[in-house]
């Protein structure tokens, strides 16, 4: 188990590091998950998925990248929280 903390943008994808590798978040982030929740990555049916210990009924597909290099980590930018714009009816 680990906690993601704050994901960073790598190659246009929200990503995090764990176990010496980069993981890209492929699926939308579930609204009930927090970046501080305890999570783990598992290989299931030919793909890698992120599981949240507090919400075991959901998973998020992740891509696995190369080993983390010190220069790559230094150039990554934090991901800003996203806020959805309100939906309004157009007359």
PDB file of N, CA and C in Angstrom:
ATOM      1  N   UNK A   1       0.836  -1.179   0.000  1.00  0.00           N
ATOM      2  CA  UNK A   1       0.000   0.000   0.000  1.00  0.00           C
ATOM      3  C   UNK A   1       0.881   1.242   0.000  1.00  0.00           C
ATOM      4  N   UNK A   2       0.387   2.267  -0.664  1.00  0.00           N
ATOM      5  CA  UNK A   2       1.058   3.556  -0.689  1.00  0.00           C
ATOM      6  C   UNK A   2       0.010   4.625  -0.921  1.00  0.00           C
ATOM      7  N   UNK A   3       0.409   5.857  -0.803  1.00  0.00           N
ATOM      8  CA  UNK A   3      -0.466   6.992  -1.085  1.00  0.00           C
ATOM      9  C   UNK A   3       0.143   7.784  -2.233  1.00  0.00           C
ATOM     10  N   UNK A   4      -0.684   8.184  -3.177  1.00  0.00           N
ATOM     11  CA  UNK A   4      -0.188   8.895  -4.349  1.00  0.00           C
ATOM     12  C   UNK A   4       0.289  10.295  -3.979  1.00  0.00           C
ATOM     13  N   UNK A   5      -0.402  10.960  -3.097  1.00  0.00           N
ATOM     14  CA  UNK A   5      -0.064  12.351  -2.807  1.00  0.00           C
ATOM     15  C   UNK A   5      -0.618  13.223  -3.915  1.00  0.00           C
ATOM     16  N   UNK A   6       0.222  14.015  -4.538  1.00  0.00           N
ATOM     17  CA  UNK A   6      -0.211  14.895  -5.630  1.00  0.00           C
ATOM     18  C   UNK A   6       0.359  14.364  -6.943  1.00  0.00           C
ATOM     19  N   UNK A   7      -0.495  13.909  -7.879  1.00  0.00           N
ATOM     20  CA  UNK A   7       0.034  13.464  -9.167  1.00  0.00           C
ATOM     21  C   UNK A   7       0.653  14.631  -9.933  1.00  0.00           C
ATOM     22  N   UNK A   8       1.511  14.318 -10.872  1.00  0.00           N
ATOM     23  CA  UNK A   8       2.158  15.328 -11.701  1.00  0.00           C
ATOM     24  C   UNK A   8       1.887  15.018 -13.165  1.00  0.00           C
ATOM     25  N   UNK A   9       2.016  16.025 -14.024  1.00  0.00           N
ATOM     26  CA  UNK A   9       1.807  15.825 -15.455  1.00  0.00           C
ATOM     27  C   UNK A   9       3.110  15.354 -16.098  1.00  0.00           C
ATOM     28  N   UNK A  10       3.033  14.223 -16.782  1.00  0.00           N
ATOM     29  CA  UNK A  10       4.168  13.691 -17.528  1.00  0.00           C
ATOM     30  C   UNK A  10       3.631  13.310 -18.908  1.00  0.00           C
ATOM     31  N   UNK A  11       4.132  13.965 -19.934  1.00  0.00           N
ATOM     32  CA  UNK A  11       3.666  13.672 -21.288  1.00  0.00           C
ATOM     33  C   UNK A  11       2.180  13.907 -21.469  1.00  0.00           C
ATOM     34  N   UNK A  12       1.617  14.895 -20.775  1.00  0.00           N
ATOM     35  CA  UNK A  12       0.207  15.217 -20.909  1.00  0.00           C
ATOM     36  C   UNK A  12      -0.725  14.321 -20.119  1.00  0.00           C
ATOM     37  N   UNK A  13      -0.194  13.451 -19.279  1.00  0.00           N
ATOM     38  CA  UNK A  13      -1.016  12.524 -18.503  1.00  0.00           C
ATOM     39  C   UNK A  13      -0.711  12.690 -17.013  1.00  0.00           C
ATOM     40  N   UNK A  14      -1.769  12.743 -16.188  1.00  0.00           N
ATOM     41  CA  UNK A  14      -1.571  12.769 -14.739  1.00  0.00           C
ATOM     42  C   UNK A  14      -0.870  11.471 -14.346  1.00  0.00           C
ATOM     43  N   UNK A  15       0.224  11.596 -13.623  1.00  0.00           N
ATOM     44  CA  UNK A  15       1.071  10.438 -13.322  1.00  0.00           C
ATOM     45  C   UNK A  15       1.570  10.476 -11.893  1.00  0.00           C
ATOM     46  N   UNK A  16       2.043   9.320 -11.443  1.00  0.00           N
ATOM     47  CA  UNK A  16       2.652   9.218 -10.125  1.00  0.00           C
ATOM     48  C   UNK A  16       3.770   8.183 -10.193  1.00  0.00           C
ATOM     49  N   UNK A  17       4.639   8.232  -9.197  1.00  0.00           N
ATOM     50  CA  UNK A  17       5.755   7.289  -9.114  1.00  0.00           C
ATOM     51  C   UNK A  17       5.518   6.319  -7.963  1.00  0.00           C
ATOM     52  N   UNK A  18       5.880   5.063  -8.196  1.00  0.00           N
ATOM     53  CA  UNK A  18       5.864   4.090  -7.119  1.00  0.00           C
ATOM     54  C   UNK A  18       6.779   2.936  -7.506  1.00  0.00           C
ATOM     55  N   UNK A  19       7.538   2.443  -6.564  1.00  0.00           N
ATOM     56  CA  UNK A  19       8.388   1.281  -6.798  1.00  0.00           C
ATOM     57  C   UNK A  19       9.422   1.501  -7.880  1.00  0.00           C
ATOM     58  N   UNK A  20       9.823   2.762  -8.101  1.00  0.00           N
ATOM     59  CA  UNK A  20      10.836   3.057  -9.101  1.00  0.00           C
ATOM     60  C   UNK A  20      10.312   3.196 -10.518  1.00  0.00           C
ATOM     61  N   UNK A  21       8.983   3.223 -10.704  1.00  0.00           N
ATOM     62  CA  UNK A  21       8.397   3.336 -12.037  1.00  0.00           C
ATOM     63  C   UNK A  21       7.353   4.445 -12.064  1.00  0.00           C
ATOM     64  N   UNK A  22       7.104   4.967 -13.276  1.00  0.00           N
ATOM     65  CA  UNK A  22       6.032   5.928 -13.509  1.00  0.00           C
ATOM     66  C   UNK A  22       4.756   5.158 -13.831  1.00  0.00           C
ATOM     67  N   UNK A  23       3.635   5.659 -13.336  1.00  0.00           N
ATOM     68  CA  UNK A  23       2.325   5.135 -13.676  1.00  0.00           C
ATOM     69  C   UNK A  23       1.484   6.307 -14.165  1.00  0.00           C
ATOM     70  N   UNK A  24       0.841   6.151 -15.312  1.00  0.00           N
ATOM     71  CA  UNK A  24      -0.055   7.169 -15.845  1.00  0.00           C
ATOM     72  C   UNK A  24      -1.491   6.796 -15.523  1.00  0.00           C
ATOM     73  N   UNK A  25      -2.279   7.758 -15.091  1.00  0.00           N
ATOM     74  CA  UNK A  25      -3.684   7.521 -14.753  1.00  0.00           C
ATOM     75  C   UNK A  25      -4.493   7.594 -16.042  1.00  0.00           C
ATOM     76  N   UNK A  26      -5.040   6.456 -16.467  1.00  0.00           N
ATOM     77  CA  UNK A  26      -5.741   6.349 -17.749  1.00  0.00           C
ATOM     78  C   UNK A  26      -7.227   6.660 -17.605  1.00  0.00           C
ATOM     79  N   UNK A  27      -7.875   6.073 -16.620  1.00  0.00           N
ATOM     80  CA  UNK A  27      -9.316   6.253 -16.409  1.00  0.00           C
ATOM     81  C   UNK A  27      -9.592   7.524 -15.607  1.00  0.00           C
ATOM     82  N   UNK A  28     -10.837   8.016 -15.676  1.00  0.00           N
ATOM     83  CA  UNK A  28     -11.203   9.153 -14.824  1.00  0.00           C
ATOM     84  C   UNK A  28     -11.056   8.789 -13.340  1.00  0.00           C
ATOM     85  N   UNK A  29     -10.663   9.763 -12.543  1.00  0.00           N
ATOM     86  CA  UNK A  29     -10.470   9.557 -11.110  1.00  0.00           C
ATOM     87  C   UNK A  29     -11.840   9.522 -10.430  1.00  0.00           C
ATOM     88  N   UNK A  30     -12.159   8.457  -9.675  1.00  0.00           N
ATOM     89  CA  UNK A  30     -13.458   8.401  -8.994  1.00  0.00           C
ATOM     90  C   UNK A  30     -13.622   9.550  -7.992  1.00  0.00           C
ATOM     91  N   UNK A  31     -14.797  10.140  -7.961  1.00  0.00           N
ATOM     92  CA  UNK A  31     -15.058  11.298  -7.107  1.00  0.00           C
ATOM     93  C   UNK A  31     -14.871  10.995  -5.625  1.00  0.00           C
ATOM     94  N   UNK A  32     -15.087   9.751  -5.219  1.00  0.00           N
ATOM     95  CA  UNK A  32     -14.981   9.408  -3.792  1.00  0.00           C
ATOM     96  C   UNK A  32     -13.552   9.076  -3.359  1.00  0.00           C
ATOM     97  N   UNK A  33     -12.627   8.972  -4.310  1.00  0.00           N
ATOM     98  CA  UNK A  33     -11.232   8.670  -3.962  1.00  0.00           C
ATOM     99  C   UNK A  33     -10.494   9.959  -3.619  1.00  0.00           C
ATOM    100  N   UNK A  34      -9.575   9.860  -2.667  1.00  0.00           N
ATOM    101  CA  UNK A  34      -8.676  10.958  -2.339  1.00  0.00           C
ATOM    102  C   UNK A  34      -7.253  10.544  -2.679  1.00  0.00           C
ATOM    103  N   UNK A  35      -6.406  11.507  -3.022  1.00  0.00           N
ATOM    104  CA  UNK A  35      -5.005  11.189  -3.309  1.00  0.00           C
ATOM    105  C   UNK A  35      -4.279  10.718  -2.059  1.00  0.00           C
ATOM    106  N   UNK A  36      -4.878  10.932  -0.896  1.00  0.00           N
ATOM    107  CA  UNK A  36      -4.273  10.485   0.360  1.00  0.00           C
ATOM    108  C   UNK A  36      -4.772   9.101   0.788  1.00  0.00           C
ATOM    109  N   UNK A  37      -5.697   8.502   0.035  1.00  0.00           N
ATOM    110  CA  UNK A  37      -6.180   7.150   0.355  1.00  0.00           C
ATOM    111  C   UNK A  37      -5.078   6.125   0.137  1.00  0.00           C
ATOM    112  N   UNK A  38      -5.061   5.050   0.918  1.00  0.00           N
ATOM    113  CA  UNK A  38      -4.105   3.969   0.668  1.00  0.00           C
ATOM    114  C   UNK A  38      -4.518   3.196  -0.588  1.00  0.00           C
ATOM    115  N   UNK A  39      -3.593   3.060  -1.527  1.00  0.00           N
ATOM    116  CA  UNK A  39      -3.868   2.400  -2.803  1.00  0.00           C
ATOM    117  C   UNK A  39      -2.788   1.354  -3.112  1.00  0.00           C
ATOM    118  N   UNK A  40      -3.067   0.534  -4.106  1.00  0.00           N
ATOM    119  CA  UNK A  40      -2.078  -0.411  -4.615  1.00  0.00           C
ATOM    120  C   UNK A  40      -2.338  -0.663  -6.087  1.00  0.00           C
ATOM    121  N   UNK A  41      -1.310  -1.080  -6.818  1.00  0.00           N
ATOM    122  CA  UNK A  41      -1.413  -1.411  -8.239  1.00  0.00           C
ATOM    123  C   UNK A  41      -1.374  -2.924  -8.365  1.00  0.00           C
ATOM    124  N   UNK A  42      -2.263  -3.467  -9.203  1.00  0.00           N
ATOM    125  CA  UNK A  42      -2.298  -4.912  -9.433  1.00  0.00           C
ATOM    126  C   UNK A  42      -2.474  -5.163 -10.931  1.00  0.00           C
ATOM    127  N   UNK A  43      -1.968  -6.307 -11.379  1.00  0.00           N
ATOM    128  CA  UNK A  43      -2.092  -6.730 -12.771  1.00  0.00           C
ATOM    129  C   UNK A  43      -3.302  -7.660 -12.860  1.00  0.00           C
ATOM    130  N   UNK A  44      -4.343  -7.250 -13.616  1.00  0.00           N
ATOM    131  CA  UNK A  44      -5.585  -8.008 -13.705  1.00  0.00           C
ATOM    132  C   UNK A  44      -5.993  -8.140 -15.167  1.00  0.00           C
ATOM    133  N   UNK A  45      -6.208  -9.364 -15.615  1.00  0.00           N
ATOM    134  CA  UNK A  45      -6.707  -9.630 -16.973  1.00  0.00           C
ATOM    135  C   UNK A  45      -5.954  -8.871 -18.058  1.00  0.00           C
ATOM    136  N   UNK A  46      -4.651  -8.852 -17.979  1.00  0.00           N
ATOM    137  CA  UNK A  46      -3.832  -8.255 -19.025  1.00  0.00           C
ATOM    138  C   UNK A  46      -3.578  -6.771 -18.900  1.00  0.00           C
ATOM    139  N   UNK A  47      -3.963  -6.157 -17.790  1.00  0.00           N
ATOM    140  CA  UNK A  47      -3.730  -4.729 -17.614  1.00  0.00           C
ATOM    141  C   UNK A  47      -3.434  -4.384 -16.167  1.00  0.00           C
ATOM    142  N   UNK A  48      -2.872  -3.192 -15.976  1.00  0.00           N
ATOM    143  CA  UNK A  48      -2.566  -2.718 -14.627  1.00  0.00           C
ATOM    144  C   UNK A  48      -3.674  -1.790 -14.155  1.00  0.00           C
ATOM    145  N   UNK A  49      -4.070  -1.962 -12.891  1.00  0.00           N
ATOM    146  CA  UNK A  49      -5.140  -1.177 -12.306  1.00  0.00           C
ATOM    147  C   UNK A  49      -4.741  -0.695 -10.926  1.00  0.00           C
ATOM    148  N   UNK A  50      -5.237   0.480 -10.581  1.00  0.00           N
ATOM    149  CA  UNK A  50      -5.029   1.059  -9.264  1.00  0.00           C
ATOM    150  C   UNK A  50      -6.280   0.763  -8.440  1.00  0.00           C
ATOM    151  N   UNK A  51      -6.095   0.261  -7.234  1.00  0.00           N
ATOM    152  CA  UNK A  51      -7.192  -0.052  -6.328  1.00  0.00           C
ATOM    153  C   UNK A  51      -7.046   0.779  -5.064  1.00  0.00           C
ATOM    154  N   UNK A  52      -8.164   1.248  -4.553  1.00  0.00           N
ATOM    155  CA  UNK A  52      -8.213   2.045  -3.329  1.00  0.00           C
ATOM    156  C   UNK A  52      -8.696   1.135  -2.202  1.00  0.00           C
ATOM    157  N   UNK A  53      -7.926   1.041  -1.146  1.00  0.00           N
ATOM    158  CA  UNK A  53      -8.275   0.164  -0.030  1.00  0.00           C
ATOM    159  C   UNK A  53      -9.610   0.561   0.598  1.00  0.00           C
ATOM    160  N   UNK A  54      -9.941   1.836   0.585  1.00  0.00           N
ATOM    161  CA  UNK A  54     -11.187   2.296   1.199  1.00  0.00           C
ATOM    162  C   UNK A  54     -12.403   2.101   0.302  1.00  0.00           C
ATOM    163  N   UNK A  55     -12.173   1.872  -1.002  1.00  0.00           N
ATOM    164  CA  UNK A  55     -13.257   1.676  -1.975  1.00  0.00           C
ATOM    165  C   UNK A  55     -12.882   0.504  -2.888  1.00  0.00           C
ATOM    166  N   UNK A  56     -12.875  -0.716  -2.343  1.00  0.00           N
ATOM    167  CA  UNK A  56     -12.372  -1.871  -3.109  1.00  0.00           C
ATOM    168  C   UNK A  56     -13.239  -2.290  -4.294  1.00  0.00           C
ATOM    169  N   UNK A  57     -14.435  -1.725  -4.409  1.00  0.00           N
ATOM    170  CA  UNK A  57     -15.323  -2.093  -5.519  1.00  0.00           C
ATOM    171  C   UNK A  57     -15.023  -1.325  -6.796  1.00  0.00           C
ATOM    172  N   UNK A  58     -14.071  -0.375  -6.752  1.00  0.00           N
ATOM    173  CA  UNK A  58     -13.710   0.432  -7.923  1.00  0.00           C
ATOM    174  C   UNK A  58     -12.231   0.262  -8.238  1.00  0.00           C
ATOM    175  N   UNK A  59     -11.900   0.458  -9.502  1.00  0.00           N
ATOM    176  CA  UNK A  59     -10.494   0.461  -9.912  1.00  0.00           C
ATOM    177  C   UNK A  59     -10.301   1.490 -11.015  1.00  0.00           C
ATOM    178  N   UNK A  60      -9.053   1.885 -11.219  1.00  0.00           N
ATOM    179  CA  UNK A  60      -8.686   2.865 -12.243  1.00  0.00           C
ATOM    180  C   UNK A  60      -7.573   2.251 -13.081  1.00  0.00           C
ATOM    181  N   UNK A  61      -7.753   2.209 -14.387  1.00  0.00           N
ATOM    182  CA  UNK A  61      -6.698   1.698 -15.266  1.00  0.00           C
ATOM    183  C   UNK A  61      -5.504   2.645 -15.228  1.00  0.00           C
ATOM    184  N   UNK A  62      -4.306   2.064 -15.174  1.00  0.00           N
ATOM    185  CA  UNK A  62      -3.081   2.857 -15.212  1.00  0.00           C
ATOM    186  C   UNK A  62      -2.140   2.257 -16.254  1.00  0.00           C
ATOM    187  N   UNK A  63      -1.309   3.107 -16.830  1.00  0.00           N
ATOM    188  CA  UNK A  63      -0.267   2.640 -17.736  1.00  0.00           C
ATOM    189  C   UNK A  63       1.038   2.636 -16.962  1.00  0.00           C
ATOM    190  N   UNK A  64       1.900   1.708 -17.297  1.00  0.00           N
ATOM    191  CA  UNK A  64       3.189   1.587 -16.613  1.00  0.00           C
ATOM    192  C   UNK A  64       4.268   2.098 -17.541  1.00  0.00           C
ATOM    193  N   UNK A  65       5.074   3.009 -17.017  1.00  0.00           N
ATOM    194  CA  UNK A  65       6.134   3.602 -17.815  1.00  0.00           C
ATOM    195  C   UNK A  65       7.496   3.085 -17.425  1.00  0.00           C
ATOM    196  N   UNK A  66       8.503   3.821 -17.854  1.00  0.00           N
ATOM    197  CA  UNK A  66       9.885   3.462 -17.605  1.00  0.00           C
ATOM    198  C   UNK A  66      10.267   3.701 -16.155  1.00  0.00           C
ATOM    199  N   UNK A  67      11.413   3.205 -15.824  1.00  0.00           N
ATOM    200  CA  UNK A  67      11.963   3.465 -14.502  1.00  0.00           C
ATOM    201  C   UNK A  67      12.144   4.959 -14.319  1.00  0.00           C
ATOM    202  N   UNK A  68      11.958   5.415 -13.108  1.00  0.00           N
ATOM    203  CA  UNK A  68      12.078   6.841 -12.777  1.00  0.00           C
ATOM    204  C   UNK A  68      13.533   7.252 -12.839  1.00  0.00           C
ATOM    205  N   UNK A  69      13.808   8.349 -13.564  1.00  0.00           N
ATOM    206  CA  UNK A  69      15.156   8.903 -13.567  1.00  0.00           C
ATOM    207  C   UNK A  69      15.137  10.201 -12.775  1.00  0.00           C
ATOM    208  N   UNK A  70      16.199  10.533 -12.073  1.00  0.00           N
ATOM    209  CA  UNK A  70      16.210  11.762 -11.272  1.00  0.00           C
ATOM    210  C   UNK A  70      15.964  13.021 -12.097  1.00  0.00           C
ATOM    211  N   UNK A  71      16.434  13.068 -13.340  1.00  0.00           N
ATOM    212  CA  UNK A  71      16.235  14.271 -14.149  1.00  0.00           C
ATOM    213  C   UNK A  71      14.800  14.389 -14.618  1.00  0.00           C
ATOM    214  N   UNK A  72      14.145  13.284 -14.867  1.00  0.00           N
ATOM    215  CA  UNK A  72      12.754  13.315 -15.312  1.00  0.00           C
ATOM    216  C   UNK A  72      11.857  13.811 -14.187  1.00  0.00           C
ATOM    217  N   UNK A  73      12.077  13.336 -12.988  1.00  0.00           N
ATOM    218  CA  UNK A  73      11.246  13.741 -11.853  1.00  0.00           C
ATOM    219  C   UNK A  73      11.401  15.227 -11.577  1.00  0.00           C
ATOM    220  N   UNK A  74      12.576  15.758 -11.788  1.00  0.00           N
ATOM    221  CA  UNK A  74      12.810  17.172 -11.493  1.00  0.00           C
ATOM    222  C   UNK A  74      12.087  18.086 -12.476  1.00  0.00           C
ATOM    223  N   UNK A  75      11.796  17.614 -13.696  1.00  0.00           N
ATOM    224  CA  UNK A  75      11.180  18.475 -14.693  1.00  0.00           C
ATOM    225  C   UNK A  75       9.665  18.341 -14.746  1.00  0.00           C
ATOM    226  N   UNK A  76       9.071  17.485 -13.931  1.00  0.00           N
ATOM    227  CA  UNK A  76       7.632  17.282 -13.959  1.00  0.00           C
ATOM    228  C   UNK A  76       6.919  18.404 -13.210  1.00  0.00           C
ATOM    229  N   UNK A  77       5.715  18.728 -13.671  1.00  0.00           N
ATOM    230  CA  UNK A  77       4.935  19.804 -13.061  1.00  0.00           C
ATOM    231  C   UNK A  77       3.753  19.241 -12.280  1.00  0.00           C
ATOM    232  N   UNK A  78       3.436  19.817 -11.115  1.00  0.00           N
ATOM    233  CA  UNK A  78       2.272  19.341 -10.347  1.00  0.00           C
ATOM    234  C   UNK A  78       0.986  19.531 -11.131  1.00  0.00           C
ATOM    235  N   UNK A  79       0.017  18.667 -10.866  1.00  0.00           N
ATOM    236  CA  UNK A  79      -1.296  18.748 -11.494  1.00  0.00           C
ATOM    237  C   UNK A  79      -2.188  19.615 -10.624  1.00  0.00           C
ATOM    238  N   UNK A  80      -2.803  20.616 -11.226  1.00  0.00           N
ATOM    239  CA  UNK A  80      -3.732  21.473 -10.490  1.00  0.00           C
ATOM    240  C   UNK A  80      -5.071  20.767 -10.359  1.00  0.00           C
ATOM    241  N   UNK A  81      -5.757  20.954  -9.235  1.00  0.00           N
ATOM    242  CA  UNK A  81      -7.096  20.358  -9.103  1.00  0.00           C
ATOM    243  C   UNK A  81      -8.023  20.892 -10.181  1.00  0.00           C
ATOM    244  N   UNK A  82      -8.888  20.037 -10.684  1.00  0.00           N
ATOM    245  CA  UNK A  82      -9.834  20.434 -11.733  1.00  0.00           C
ATOM    246  C   UNK A  82     -11.181  20.735 -11.113  1.00  0.00           C
ATOM    247  N   UNK A  83     -11.864  21.717 -11.635  1.00  0.00           N
ATOM    248  CA  UNK A  83     -13.202  22.056 -11.205  1.00  0.00           C
ATOM    249  C   UNK A  83     -14.096  22.101 -12.427  1.00  0.00           C
ATOM    250  N   UNK A  84     -15.221  21.439 -12.345  1.00  0.00           N
ATOM    251  CA  UNK A  84     -16.146  21.426 -13.469  1.00  0.00           C
ATOM    252  C   UNK A  84     -16.929  22.732 -13.524  1.00  0.00           C
ATOM    253  N   UNK A  85     -17.155  23.217 -14.728  1.00  0.00           N
ATOM    254  CA  UNK A  85     -17.959  24.432 -14.904  1.00  0.00           C
ATOM    255  C   UNK A  85     -19.432  24.070 -14.725  1.00  0.00           C
ATOM    256  N   UNK A  86     -20.225  24.965 -14.159  1.00  0.00           N
ATOM    257  CA  UNK A  86     -21.653  24.664 -13.989  1.00  0.00           C
ATOM    258  C   UNK A  86     -22.334  24.544 -15.350  1.00  0.00           C
ATOM    259  N   UNK A  87     -23.295  23.660 -15.410  1.00  0.00           N
ATOM    260  CA  UNK A  87     -24.078  23.467 -16.626  1.00  0.00           C
ATOM    261  C   UNK A  87     -25.250  24.432 -16.585  1.00  0.00           C
ATOM    262  N   UNK A  88     -25.424  25.184 -17.660  1.00  0.00           N
ATOM    263  CA  UNK A  88     -26.548  26.118 -17.730  1.00  0.00           C
ATOM    264  C   UNK A  88     -27.382  25.793 -18.952  1.00  0.00           C
ATOM    265  N   UNK A  89     -28.681  26.025 -18.835  1.00  0.00           N
ATOM    266  CA  UNK A  89     -29.581  25.817 -19.971  1.00  0.00           C
ATOM    267  C   UNK A  89     -29.512  27.023 -20.887  1.00  0.00           C
ATOM    268  N   UNK A  90     -29.407  26.764 -22.164  1.00  0.00           N
ATOM    269  CA  UNK A  90     -29.394  27.820 -23.166  1.00  0.00           C
ATOM    270  C   UNK A  90     -30.823  27.999 -23.695  1.00  0.00           C
ATOM    271  N   UNK A  91     -31.330  29.240 -23.751  1.00  0.00           N
ATOM    272  CA  UNK A  91     -32.710  29.451 -24.269  1.00  0.00           C
ATOM    273  C   UNK A  91     -32.818  29.190 -25.744  1.00  0.00           C
TER     274      UNK A  91
END
